[in-house]
Amino acid sequence: MYDIVLRNGLIVIDTSDDDHIEDMLLLAKGGNKFSPHLGVNVNQYIHSKGNGLENDIARNLEADGAKNITIDINPQTNQIEIDATY
């Protein structure tokens, strides 16, 4: 997927993979009418020990067609780093 973005004063067409992954993390299953089978609902993991979060993210990315998936979750800062290619 592509987005039109403003970069250094120029309008360019760039991939929207990061936005797409962020939406997938925030939405619950059924939250996207075009892909109702996808959704992590990361907010449900806020007060948990994070058990299953990494697997849930990986399953959703794979179901969406992502390859070369790397997920790093920092429990001290609650930051999630995801690298994947489509």
N, C-alpha and C. Protein backbone atom coordinates (compact mmCIF):
# COMPACT_ATOMS: atom_id res chain seq x y z
N MET A 1 0.84 -1.17 0.00
CA MET A 1 0.00 0.00 0.00
C MET A 1 0.89 1.24 0.00
N TYR A 2 0.32 2.31 -0.49
CA TYR A 2 1.09 3.53 -0.60
C TYR A 2 0.32 4.71 -0.02
N ASP A 3 1.08 5.67 0.47
CA ASP A 3 0.54 6.93 0.96
C ASP A 3 1.20 8.06 0.20
N ILE A 4 0.52 9.17 0.12
CA ILE A 4 1.14 10.39 -0.39
C ILE A 4 1.57 11.18 0.84
N VAL A 5 2.87 11.47 0.93
CA VAL A 5 3.41 12.16 2.09
C VAL A 5 4.22 13.38 1.65
N LEU A 6 4.37 14.30 2.58
CA LEU A 6 5.18 15.49 2.34
C LEU A 6 6.53 15.26 2.99
N ARG A 7 7.61 15.26 2.21
CA ARG A 7 8.95 15.02 2.72
C ARG A 7 9.89 16.09 2.15
N ASN A 8 10.49 16.86 3.04
CA ASN A 8 11.42 17.93 2.65
C ASN A 8 10.79 18.89 1.64
N GLY A 9 9.52 19.18 1.86
CA GLY A 9 8.83 20.13 1.00
C GLY A 9 8.34 19.54 -0.31
N LEU A 10 8.54 18.25 -0.53
CA LEU A 10 8.12 17.61 -1.77
C LEU A 10 7.02 16.59 -1.48
N ILE A 11 6.10 16.48 -2.40
CA ILE A 11 5.07 15.46 -2.28
C ILE A 11 5.60 14.19 -2.92
N VAL A 12 5.66 13.12 -2.13
CA VAL A 12 6.18 11.85 -2.64
C VAL A 12 5.21 10.72 -2.30
N ILE A 13 5.31 9.66 -3.06
CA ILE A 13 4.53 8.46 -2.79
C ILE A 13 5.44 7.50 -2.04
N ASP A 14 4.99 7.05 -0.88
CA ASP A 14 5.79 6.19 -0.01
C ASP A 14 4.93 5.04 0.48
N THR A 15 5.55 3.98 0.93
CA THR A 15 4.80 2.84 1.44
C THR A 15 4.11 3.21 2.75
N SER A 16 2.98 2.58 2.99
CA SER A 16 2.22 2.84 4.21
C SER A 16 2.28 1.64 5.16
N ASP A 17 3.32 0.81 5.02
CA ASP A 17 3.42 -0.40 5.83
C ASP A 17 3.39 -0.11 7.32
N ASP A 18 4.12 0.91 7.77
CA ASP A 18 4.15 1.23 9.21
C ASP A 18 2.76 1.62 9.72
N ASP A 19 2.05 2.42 8.95
CA ASP A 19 0.68 2.80 9.35
C ASP A 19 -0.23 1.58 9.39
N HIS A 20 -0.05 0.72 8.42
CA HIS A 20 -0.87 -0.50 8.33
C HIS A 20 -0.62 -1.40 9.54
N ILE A 21 0.64 -1.58 9.90
CA ILE A 21 0.99 -2.41 11.06
C ILE A 21 0.45 -1.79 12.35
N GLU A 22 0.57 -0.47 12.47
CA GLU A 22 0.05 0.21 13.67
C GLU A 22 -1.46 0.01 13.79
N ASP A 23 -2.17 0.14 12.69
CA ASP A 23 -3.62 -0.08 12.71
C ASP A 23 -3.94 -1.50 13.15
N MET A 24 -3.18 -2.46 12.64
CA MET A 24 -3.41 -3.86 12.99
C MET A 24 -3.18 -4.10 14.48
N LEU A 25 -2.18 -3.44 15.06
CA LEU A 25 -1.90 -3.58 16.49
C LEU A 25 -3.02 -3.00 17.34
N LEU A 26 -3.58 -1.87 16.93
CA LEU A 26 -4.58 -1.17 17.74
C LEU A 26 -5.98 -1.76 17.60
N LEU A 27 -6.33 -2.23 16.42
CA LEU A 27 -7.69 -2.73 16.19
C LEU A 27 -7.87 -4.14 16.73
N ALA A 28 -9.08 -4.42 17.18
CA ALA A 28 -9.44 -5.79 17.56
C ALA A 28 -9.90 -6.53 16.31
N LYS A 29 -9.94 -7.83 16.37
CA LYS A 29 -10.46 -8.60 15.24
C LYS A 29 -11.86 -8.10 14.91
N GLY A 30 -12.11 -7.91 13.63
CA GLY A 30 -13.40 -7.39 13.18
C GLY A 30 -13.43 -5.88 13.09
N GLY A 31 -12.39 -5.21 13.53
CA GLY A 31 -12.35 -3.75 13.52
C GLY A 31 -12.09 -3.14 12.16
N ASN A 32 -11.64 -3.94 11.21
CA ASN A 32 -11.40 -3.47 9.86
C ASN A 32 -12.28 -4.29 8.93
N LYS A 33 -13.24 -3.64 8.29
CA LYS A 33 -14.21 -4.38 7.48
C LYS A 33 -13.58 -5.04 6.26
N PHE A 34 -12.40 -4.58 5.85
CA PHE A 34 -11.73 -5.18 4.69
C PHE A 34 -10.91 -6.41 5.08
N SER A 35 -10.49 -6.48 6.33
CA SER A 35 -9.72 -7.63 6.84
C SER A 35 -10.21 -7.98 8.24
N PRO A 36 -11.43 -8.47 8.37
CA PRO A 36 -11.99 -8.70 9.70
C PRO A 36 -11.28 -9.78 10.50
N HIS A 37 -10.48 -10.60 9.84
CA HIS A 37 -9.75 -11.67 10.53
C HIS A 37 -8.47 -11.17 11.20
N LEU A 38 -8.08 -9.92 10.93
CA LEU A 38 -6.85 -9.36 11.49
C LEU A 38 -7.15 -8.42 12.65
N GLY A 39 -6.27 -8.35 13.61
CA GLY A 39 -6.39 -7.42 14.71
C GLY A 39 -5.78 -8.00 15.98
N VAL A 40 -4.90 -7.23 16.62
CA VAL A 40 -4.21 -7.68 17.84
C VAL A 40 -4.88 -7.12 19.09
N ASN A 41 -5.42 -5.90 19.00
CA ASN A 41 -5.99 -5.22 20.17
C ASN A 41 -4.96 -5.16 21.29
N VAL A 42 -3.85 -4.50 20.99
CA VAL A 42 -2.71 -4.44 21.91
C VAL A 42 -3.09 -3.85 23.27
N ASN A 43 -4.15 -3.07 23.33
CA ASN A 43 -4.57 -2.48 24.60
C ASN A 43 -4.99 -3.52 25.63
N GLN A 44 -5.43 -4.68 25.17
CA GLN A 44 -5.81 -5.74 26.11
C GLN A 44 -4.61 -6.31 26.85
N TYR A 45 -3.41 -6.05 26.35
CA TYR A 45 -2.20 -6.57 26.97
C TYR A 45 -1.55 -5.58 27.94
N ILE A 46 -2.11 -4.38 28.09
CA ILE A 46 -1.46 -3.33 28.89
C ILE A 46 -1.21 -3.77 30.32
N HIS A 47 -2.18 -4.35 30.97
CA HIS A 47 -2.02 -4.72 32.37
C HIS A 47 -1.71 -6.20 32.57
N SER A 48 -1.36 -6.87 31.48
CA SER A 48 -0.99 -8.28 31.60
C SER A 48 0.53 -8.39 31.55
N LYS A 49 1.03 -9.57 31.69
CA LYS A 49 2.47 -9.79 31.62
C LYS A 49 2.93 -9.89 30.17
N GLY A 50 2.03 -9.66 29.24
CA GLY A 50 2.38 -9.69 27.82
C GLY A 50 2.43 -11.09 27.25
N ASN A 51 1.97 -12.07 28.01
CA ASN A 51 1.98 -13.44 27.52
C ASN A 51 1.16 -13.56 26.24
N GLY A 52 1.78 -14.04 25.20
CA GLY A 52 1.08 -14.25 23.95
C GLY A 52 1.09 -13.07 23.00
N LEU A 53 1.53 -11.90 23.45
CA LEU A 53 1.49 -10.71 22.60
C LEU A 53 2.37 -10.89 21.36
N GLU A 54 3.59 -11.34 21.56
CA GLU A 54 4.50 -11.50 20.42
C GLU A 54 3.96 -12.52 19.42
N ASN A 55 3.40 -13.63 19.91
CA ASN A 55 2.82 -14.63 19.02
C ASN A 55 1.60 -14.09 18.29
N ASP A 56 0.78 -13.31 18.99
CA ASP A 56 -0.41 -12.73 18.38
C ASP A 56 -0.02 -11.76 17.26
N ILE A 57 0.99 -10.95 17.52
CA ILE A 57 1.47 -10.00 16.49
C ILE A 57 2.01 -10.77 15.29
N ALA A 58 2.85 -11.78 15.54
CA ALA A 58 3.44 -12.55 14.44
C ALA A 58 2.37 -13.25 13.61
N ARG A 59 1.38 -13.86 14.26
CA ARG A 59 0.30 -14.55 13.52
C ARG A 59 -0.46 -13.57 12.62
N ASN A 60 -0.75 -12.39 13.14
CA ASN A 60 -1.49 -11.40 12.35
C ASN A 60 -0.66 -10.90 11.18
N LEU A 61 0.62 -10.65 11.40
CA LEU A 61 1.48 -10.19 10.30
C LEU A 61 1.61 -11.26 9.23
N GLU A 62 1.79 -12.51 9.65
CA GLU A 62 1.88 -13.60 8.67
C GLU A 62 0.58 -13.75 7.88
N ALA A 63 -0.55 -13.65 8.56
CA ALA A 63 -1.85 -13.76 7.89
C ALA A 63 -2.06 -12.61 6.90
N ASP A 64 -1.39 -11.49 7.16
CA ASP A 64 -1.51 -10.33 6.28
C ASP A 64 -0.51 -10.37 5.13
N GLY A 65 0.36 -11.38 5.14
CA GLY A 65 1.31 -11.53 4.03
C GLY A 65 2.70 -10.99 4.30
N ALA A 66 3.00 -10.61 5.53
CA ALA A 66 4.32 -10.09 5.86
C ALA A 66 5.35 -11.21 5.89
N LYS A 67 6.57 -10.89 5.56
CA LYS A 67 7.70 -11.82 5.57
C LYS A 67 8.83 -11.21 6.41
N ASN A 68 9.81 -12.02 6.74
CA ASN A 68 10.99 -11.56 7.49
C ASN A 68 10.59 -10.74 8.72
N ILE A 69 9.75 -11.32 9.54
CA ILE A 69 9.19 -10.61 10.69
C ILE A 69 10.13 -10.68 11.88
N THR A 70 10.45 -9.51 12.45
CA THR A 70 11.23 -9.41 13.67
C THR A 70 10.44 -8.57 14.65
N ILE A 71 10.23 -9.09 15.86
CA ILE A 71 9.45 -8.38 16.88
C ILE A 71 10.29 -8.29 18.14
N ASP A 72 10.44 -7.07 18.66
CA ASP A 72 11.17 -6.86 19.90
C ASP A 72 10.28 -6.07 20.85
N ILE A 73 9.95 -6.68 21.98
CA ILE A 73 9.09 -6.03 22.98
C ILE A 73 9.92 -5.72 24.21
N ASN A 74 9.97 -4.45 24.60
CA ASN A 74 10.71 -4.03 25.79
C ASN A 74 9.71 -3.88 26.93
N PRO A 75 9.72 -4.80 27.91
CA PRO A 75 8.73 -4.75 28.99
C PRO A 75 8.91 -3.56 29.94
N GLN A 76 10.12 -3.00 30.01
CA GLN A 76 10.34 -1.85 30.89
C GLN A 76 9.70 -0.58 30.33
N THR A 77 9.77 -0.41 29.03
CA THR A 77 9.24 0.81 28.40
C THR A 77 7.92 0.59 27.68
N ASN A 78 7.49 -0.68 27.57
CA ASN A 78 6.29 -1.04 26.83
C ASN A 78 6.36 -0.64 25.36
N GLN A 79 7.57 -0.60 24.81
CA GLN A 79 7.74 -0.29 23.40
C GLN A 79 7.81 -1.57 22.59
N ILE A 80 7.21 -1.52 21.42
CA ILE A 80 7.21 -2.64 20.51
C ILE A 80 7.90 -2.19 19.22
N GLU A 81 8.95 -2.91 18.83
CA GLU A 81 9.64 -2.64 17.58
C GLU A 81 9.33 -3.79 16.62
N ILE A 82 8.83 -3.46 15.45
CA ILE A 82 8.47 -4.48 14.47
C ILE A 82 9.15 -4.14 13.15
N ASP A 83 9.78 -5.16 12.58
CA ASP A 83 10.37 -5.02 11.26
C ASP A 83 9.81 -6.16 10.41
N ALA A 84 9.20 -5.82 9.30
CA ALA A 84 8.62 -6.82 8.41
C ALA A 84 8.59 -6.27 7.00
N THR A 85 8.61 -7.16 6.04
CA THR A 85 8.52 -6.75 4.65
C THR A 85 7.27 -7.35 4.02
N TYR A 86 6.71 -6.62 3.09
CA TYR A 86 5.51 -7.09 2.38
C TYR A 86 5.87 -7.33 0.93
